[in-house]
Amino acid sequence: MITLNPQNKTPIYEQIKEQIIFLIQKGVYKPDEQLPSIRTLAAQLRLNVNTVKRAFMELETIGITYSIPGKGIYVSRTALGNEEVKKKALDNVENAVISAKKKGISESEVEELVKSIYK
């Protein structure tokens, strides 16, 4: 379910975080549902356990997941509509649009891109 792009400038642990958030938003993982274990996911993705652990720790820090010692990591009831995630996403979009504007990209070109992404 999680696919990584090693050529992407985004760090692998961030890609994992983003994809888990996406899967929660799409309903693949539901509130209070257990996520795959860190070791299982690391083995599936052929990654160091610490990389996956960092992604999971950050998900817990922002309230997307919670852990029960000895039981596993679960999707938080407040994961859907998490305000911190939305704020960070909008900050990222804002920074990207400012950068595009400085590089001569027009407002209409940005609007076209956004519309094509949401289709």
N, C-alpha and C. Protein backbone atom coordinates (compact mmCIF):
# COMPACT_ATOMS: atom_id res chain seq x y z
N MET A 1 0.81 -1.20 0.00
CA MET A 1 0.00 0.00 0.00
C MET A 1 0.85 1.26 0.00
N ILE A 2 1.96 1.22 0.70
CA ILE A 2 2.84 2.38 0.76
C ILE A 2 3.91 2.21 -0.30
N THR A 3 4.05 3.23 -1.15
CA THR A 3 5.09 3.20 -2.17
C THR A 3 5.99 4.41 -1.95
N LEU A 4 7.27 4.17 -2.05
CA LEU A 4 8.26 5.22 -1.82
C LEU A 4 8.96 5.56 -3.12
N ASN A 5 9.38 6.81 -3.21
CA ASN A 5 10.10 7.26 -4.38
C ASN A 5 11.49 7.71 -3.93
N PRO A 6 12.51 6.88 -4.14
CA PRO A 6 13.86 7.23 -3.69
C PRO A 6 14.44 8.47 -4.39
N GLN A 7 13.92 8.82 -5.57
CA GLN A 7 14.40 10.00 -6.29
C GLN A 7 13.77 11.29 -5.76
N ASN A 8 12.70 11.17 -4.99
CA ASN A 8 12.02 12.32 -4.42
C ASN A 8 12.94 13.00 -3.40
N LYS A 9 12.92 14.32 -3.36
CA LYS A 9 13.74 15.07 -2.41
C LYS A 9 13.21 14.92 -0.98
N THR A 10 11.96 14.54 -0.84
CA THR A 10 11.36 14.37 0.47
C THR A 10 11.99 13.16 1.16
N PRO A 11 12.42 13.32 2.42
CA PRO A 11 13.01 12.19 3.13
C PRO A 11 12.04 11.00 3.21
N ILE A 12 12.60 9.81 3.25
CA ILE A 12 11.80 8.59 3.26
C ILE A 12 10.81 8.57 4.42
N TYR A 13 11.25 8.96 5.63
CA TYR A 13 10.34 8.93 6.77
C TYR A 13 9.16 9.88 6.55
N GLU A 14 9.39 11.02 5.87
CA GLU A 14 8.31 11.96 5.56
C GLU A 14 7.35 11.35 4.55
N GLN A 15 7.90 10.64 3.56
CA GLN A 15 7.04 9.97 2.58
C GLN A 15 6.14 8.95 3.26
N ILE A 16 6.69 8.22 4.22
CA ILE A 16 5.89 7.24 4.97
C ILE A 16 4.78 7.94 5.73
N LYS A 17 5.14 9.02 6.43
CA LYS A 17 4.14 9.80 7.18
C LYS A 17 3.02 10.28 6.26
N GLU A 18 3.39 10.89 5.15
CA GLU A 18 2.41 11.43 4.22
C GLU A 18 1.49 10.34 3.67
N GLN A 19 2.07 9.19 3.37
CA GLN A 19 1.25 8.12 2.81
C GLN A 19 0.31 7.52 3.84
N ILE A 20 0.76 7.41 5.08
CA ILE A 20 -0.13 6.89 6.12
C ILE A 20 -1.27 7.87 6.35
N ILE A 21 -0.97 9.17 6.39
CA ILE A 21 -2.03 10.18 6.52
C ILE A 21 -3.00 10.07 5.35
N PHE A 22 -2.48 9.91 4.14
CA PHE A 22 -3.33 9.76 2.96
C PHE A 22 -4.22 8.52 3.08
N LEU A 23 -3.65 7.41 3.52
CA LEU A 23 -4.44 6.18 3.65
C LEU A 23 -5.52 6.32 4.72
N ILE A 24 -5.24 7.08 5.76
CA ILE A 24 -6.26 7.35 6.78
C ILE A 24 -7.37 8.21 6.18
N GLN A 25 -6.99 9.25 5.46
CA GLN A 25 -7.98 10.14 4.84
C GLN A 25 -8.87 9.38 3.84
N LYS A 26 -8.30 8.40 3.16
CA LYS A 26 -9.05 7.62 2.17
C LYS A 26 -9.86 6.49 2.81
N GLY A 27 -9.71 6.29 4.12
CA GLY A 27 -10.48 5.28 4.81
C GLY A 27 -9.87 3.89 4.82
N VAL A 28 -8.65 3.76 4.34
CA VAL A 28 -7.99 2.46 4.37
C VAL A 28 -7.74 2.06 5.82
N TYR A 29 -7.26 3.02 6.62
CA TYR A 29 -7.11 2.83 8.06
C TYR A 29 -8.14 3.70 8.75
N LYS A 30 -8.87 3.11 9.67
CA LYS A 30 -9.95 3.81 10.37
C LYS A 30 -9.55 4.10 11.82
N PRO A 31 -10.24 5.08 12.44
CA PRO A 31 -9.94 5.38 13.84
C PRO A 31 -9.96 4.12 14.72
N ASP A 32 -9.00 4.05 15.61
CA ASP A 32 -8.79 2.94 16.55
C ASP A 32 -8.36 1.64 15.88
N GLU A 33 -8.07 1.68 14.60
CA GLU A 33 -7.56 0.49 13.90
C GLU A 33 -6.05 0.43 14.06
N GLN A 34 -5.54 -0.77 14.24
CA GLN A 34 -4.11 -0.95 14.41
C GLN A 34 -3.39 -0.84 13.07
N LEU A 35 -2.27 -0.13 13.08
CA LEU A 35 -1.41 -0.02 11.90
C LEU A 35 -0.44 -1.20 11.88
N PRO A 36 0.18 -1.45 10.74
CA PRO A 36 1.21 -2.50 10.72
C PRO A 36 2.31 -2.15 11.71
N SER A 37 2.95 -3.15 12.25
CA SER A 37 4.03 -2.89 13.21
C SER A 37 5.20 -2.23 12.48
N ILE A 38 6.02 -1.56 13.25
CA ILE A 38 7.20 -0.89 12.70
C ILE A 38 8.09 -1.91 11.99
N ARG A 39 8.32 -3.04 12.64
CA ARG A 39 9.19 -4.07 12.05
C ARG A 39 8.59 -4.65 10.76
N THR A 40 7.29 -4.89 10.78
CA THR A 40 6.63 -5.44 9.59
C THR A 40 6.73 -4.47 8.42
N LEU A 41 6.42 -3.20 8.69
CA LEU A 41 6.47 -2.21 7.62
C LEU A 41 7.90 -2.01 7.13
N ALA A 42 8.86 -1.99 8.03
CA ALA A 42 10.26 -1.86 7.63
C ALA A 42 10.67 -3.03 6.73
N ALA A 43 10.25 -4.23 7.09
CA ALA A 43 10.58 -5.40 6.26
C ALA A 43 9.91 -5.31 4.90
N GLN A 44 8.63 -4.92 4.86
CA GLN A 44 7.92 -4.80 3.58
C GLN A 44 8.56 -3.77 2.67
N LEU A 45 8.98 -2.65 3.25
CA LEU A 45 9.55 -1.57 2.46
C LEU A 45 11.07 -1.69 2.28
N ARG A 46 11.64 -2.70 2.93
CA ARG A 46 13.09 -2.93 2.90
C ARG A 46 13.87 -1.70 3.37
N LEU A 47 13.45 -1.25 4.57
CA LEU A 47 14.05 -0.07 5.18
C LEU A 47 14.60 -0.41 6.55
N ASN A 48 15.44 0.46 7.04
CA ASN A 48 15.92 0.36 8.40
C ASN A 48 14.74 0.61 9.34
N VAL A 49 14.65 -0.16 10.40
CA VAL A 49 13.57 -0.02 11.37
C VAL A 49 13.50 1.40 11.92
N ASN A 50 14.66 2.03 12.11
CA ASN A 50 14.68 3.38 12.68
C ASN A 50 14.01 4.41 11.77
N THR A 51 14.05 4.21 10.47
CA THR A 51 13.40 5.12 9.53
C THR A 51 11.89 5.07 9.73
N VAL A 52 11.35 3.87 9.80
CA VAL A 52 9.91 3.70 10.00
C VAL A 52 9.52 4.18 11.40
N LYS A 53 10.36 3.88 12.37
CA LYS A 53 10.09 4.31 13.74
C LYS A 53 9.98 5.83 13.83
N ARG A 54 10.86 6.53 13.13
CA ARG A 54 10.82 8.00 13.15
C ARG A 54 9.50 8.51 12.57
N ALA A 55 9.06 7.91 11.47
CA ALA A 55 7.78 8.32 10.87
C ALA A 55 6.64 8.09 11.85
N PHE A 56 6.63 6.94 12.50
CA PHE A 56 5.56 6.62 13.44
C PHE A 56 5.61 7.53 14.67
N MET A 57 6.80 7.87 15.13
CA MET A 57 6.93 8.76 16.27
C MET A 57 6.37 10.14 15.94
N GLU A 58 6.66 10.62 14.74
CA GLU A 58 6.15 11.93 14.33
C GLU A 58 4.64 11.90 14.14
N LEU A 59 4.10 10.80 13.64
CA LEU A 59 2.65 10.68 13.52
C LEU A 59 1.99 10.75 14.90
N GLU A 60 2.62 10.14 15.88
CA GLU A 60 2.07 10.18 17.23
C GLU A 60 2.19 11.59 17.82
N THR A 61 3.30 12.25 17.57
CA THR A 61 3.52 13.60 18.09
C THR A 61 2.46 14.58 17.60
N ILE A 62 2.03 14.44 16.35
CA ILE A 62 1.03 15.37 15.81
C ILE A 62 -0.40 14.88 16.01
N GLY A 63 -0.56 13.76 16.71
CA GLY A 63 -1.90 13.31 17.05
C GLY A 63 -2.61 12.45 16.03
N ILE A 64 -1.89 11.94 15.06
CA ILE A 64 -2.50 11.08 14.04
C ILE A 64 -2.64 9.65 14.58
N THR A 65 -1.69 9.24 15.39
CA THR A 65 -1.71 7.89 15.95
C THR A 65 -1.50 7.95 17.46
N TYR A 66 -1.74 6.83 18.09
CA TYR A 66 -1.38 6.65 19.50
C TYR A 66 -0.87 5.23 19.66
N SER A 67 -0.05 5.03 20.67
CA SER A 67 0.49 3.69 20.87
C SER A 67 0.06 3.15 22.21
N ILE A 68 -0.08 1.85 22.24
CA ILE A 68 -0.35 1.13 23.47
C ILE A 68 0.84 0.20 23.67
N PRO A 69 1.63 0.46 24.72
CA PRO A 69 2.83 -0.35 24.93
C PRO A 69 2.52 -1.86 24.93
N GLY A 70 3.30 -2.58 24.14
CA GLY A 70 3.14 -4.02 24.05
C GLY A 70 2.01 -4.47 23.13
N LYS A 71 1.21 -3.52 22.63
CA LYS A 71 0.07 -3.87 21.77
C LYS A 71 0.24 -3.37 20.35
N GLY A 72 0.73 -2.13 20.19
CA GLY A 72 0.92 -1.62 18.84
C GLY A 72 0.55 -0.15 18.71
N ILE A 73 0.47 0.27 17.45
CA ILE A 73 0.18 1.66 17.11
C ILE A 73 -1.17 1.70 16.41
N TYR A 74 -2.00 2.66 16.82
CA TYR A 74 -3.37 2.74 16.35
C TYR A 74 -3.66 4.12 15.79
N VAL A 75 -4.66 4.19 14.91
CA VAL A 75 -5.11 5.46 14.34
C VAL A 75 -5.92 6.19 15.41
N SER A 76 -5.57 7.45 15.61
CA SER A 76 -6.28 8.28 16.58
C SER A 76 -7.69 8.59 16.10
N ARG A 77 -8.60 8.78 17.04
CA ARG A 77 -9.97 9.17 16.69
C ARG A 77 -10.02 10.55 16.07
N THR A 78 -8.99 11.36 16.36
CA THR A 78 -8.95 12.72 15.83
C THR A 78 -8.06 12.84 14.59
N ALA A 79 -7.68 11.72 14.02
CA ALA A 79 -6.78 11.74 12.86
C ALA A 79 -7.42 12.43 11.66
N LEU A 80 -8.68 12.15 11.42
CA LEU A 80 -9.38 12.78 10.31
C LEU A 80 -9.63 14.24 10.67
N GLY A 81 -9.22 15.13 9.81
CA GLY A 81 -9.44 16.54 10.07
C GLY A 81 -8.45 17.13 11.07
N ASN A 82 -7.34 16.47 11.29
CA ASN A 82 -6.33 16.96 12.23
C ASN A 82 -5.87 18.35 11.79
N GLU A 83 -6.06 19.33 12.65
CA GLU A 83 -5.76 20.71 12.31
C GLU A 83 -4.27 20.96 12.09
N GLU A 84 -3.42 20.29 12.84
CA GLU A 84 -1.98 20.49 12.66
C GLU A 84 -1.53 19.99 11.30
N VAL A 85 -2.09 18.88 10.86
CA VAL A 85 -1.75 18.34 9.54
C VAL A 85 -2.22 19.30 8.46
N LYS A 86 -3.45 19.80 8.60
CA LYS A 86 -3.98 20.75 7.61
C LYS A 86 -3.13 22.02 7.55
N LYS A 87 -2.76 22.54 8.73
CA LYS A 87 -1.97 23.77 8.77
C LYS A 87 -0.62 23.56 8.09
N LYS A 88 0.03 22.43 8.37
CA LYS A 88 1.33 22.18 7.75
C LYS A 88 1.18 22.03 6.24
N ALA A 89 0.13 21.37 5.80
CA ALA A 89 -0.09 21.20 4.36
C ALA A 89 -0.31 22.55 3.69
N LEU A 90 -1.11 23.40 4.32
CA LEU A 90 -1.35 24.72 3.74
C LEU A 90 -0.09 25.58 3.76
N ASP A 91 0.72 25.45 4.79
CA ASP A 91 2.01 26.16 4.83
C ASP A 91 2.90 25.71 3.68
N ASN A 92 2.91 24.40 3.42
CA ASN A 92 3.71 23.87 2.31
C ASN A 92 3.23 24.41 0.97
N VAL A 93 1.90 24.46 0.80
CA VAL A 93 1.33 24.98 -0.44
C VAL A 93 1.69 26.46 -0.59
N GLU A 94 1.54 27.20 0.51
CA GLU A 94 1.87 28.63 0.47
C GLU A 94 3.32 28.85 0.05
N ASN A 95 4.24 28.11 0.65
CA ASN A 95 5.66 28.25 0.31
C ASN A 95 5.91 27.90 -1.16
N ALA A 96 5.25 26.86 -1.63
CA ALA A 96 5.43 26.45 -3.03
C ALA A 96 4.89 27.51 -3.99
N VAL A 97 3.74 28.09 -3.65
CA VAL A 97 3.15 29.12 -4.52
C VAL A 97 4.02 30.38 -4.52
N ILE A 98 4.53 30.77 -3.36
CA ILE A 98 5.42 31.94 -3.29
C ILE A 98 6.66 31.69 -4.14
N SER A 99 7.23 30.49 -4.04
CA SER A 99 8.40 30.14 -4.84
C SER A 99 8.07 30.17 -6.33
N ALA A 100 6.92 29.62 -6.70
CA ALA A 100 6.51 29.62 -8.11
C ALA A 100 6.33 31.04 -8.63
N LYS A 101 5.72 31.90 -7.81
CA LYS A 101 5.49 33.29 -8.20
C LYS A 101 6.83 34.00 -8.46
N LYS A 102 7.79 33.76 -7.57
CA LYS A 102 9.11 34.38 -7.72
C LYS A 102 9.82 33.90 -8.98
N LYS A 103 9.44 32.72 -9.45
CA LYS A 103 10.08 32.15 -10.64
C LYS A 103 9.29 32.44 -11.91
N GLY A 104 8.28 33.31 -11.77
CA GLY A 104 7.54 33.75 -12.96
C GLY A 104 6.33 32.91 -13.34
N ILE A 105 5.90 32.02 -12.49
CA ILE A 105 4.71 31.21 -12.79
C ILE A 105 3.48 32.07 -12.52
N SER A 106 2.57 32.10 -13.46
CA SER A 106 1.37 32.94 -13.32
C SER A 106 0.33 32.28 -12.41
N GLU A 107 -0.57 33.11 -11.92
CA GLU A 107 -1.66 32.62 -11.07
C GLU A 107 -2.51 31.59 -11.82
N SER A 108 -2.77 31.85 -13.08
CA SER A 108 -3.60 30.92 -13.86
C SER A 108 -2.90 29.57 -14.05
N GLU A 109 -1.58 29.58 -14.19
CA GLU A 109 -0.85 28.33 -14.30
C GLU A 109 -0.92 27.52 -13.00
N VAL A 110 -0.84 28.22 -11.88
CA VAL A 110 -0.96 27.54 -10.58
C VAL A 110 -2.36 26.98 -10.43
N GLU A 111 -3.37 27.77 -10.79
CA GLU A 111 -4.76 27.30 -10.70
C GLU A 111 -4.99 26.07 -11.56
N GLU A 112 -4.46 26.07 -12.77
CA GLU A 112 -4.58 24.91 -13.66
C GLU A 112 -3.95 23.66 -13.05
N LEU A 113 -2.78 23.84 -12.47
CA LEU A 113 -2.09 22.73 -11.84
C LEU A 113 -2.90 22.17 -10.68
N VAL A 114 -3.41 23.06 -9.84
CA VAL A 114 -4.22 22.62 -8.69
C VAL A 114 -5.46 21.86 -9.17
N LYS A 115 -6.14 22.39 -10.17
CA LYS A 115 -7.33 21.72 -10.70
C LYS A 115 -6.99 20.35 -11.26
N SER A 116 -5.85 20.24 -11.97
CA SER A 116 -5.48 18.93 -12.54
C SER A 116 -5.14 17.92 -11.44
N ILE A 117 -4.54 18.40 -10.35
CA ILE A 117 -4.21 17.49 -9.25
C ILE A 117 -5.47 16.98 -8.57
N TYR A 118 -6.47 17.83 -8.41
CA TYR A 118 -7.68 17.42 -7.70
C TYR A 118 -8.64 16.62 -8.56
N LYS A 119 -8.38 16.49 -9.86
CA LYS A 119 -9.26 15.69 -10.72
C LYS A 119 -9.03 14.23 -10.52
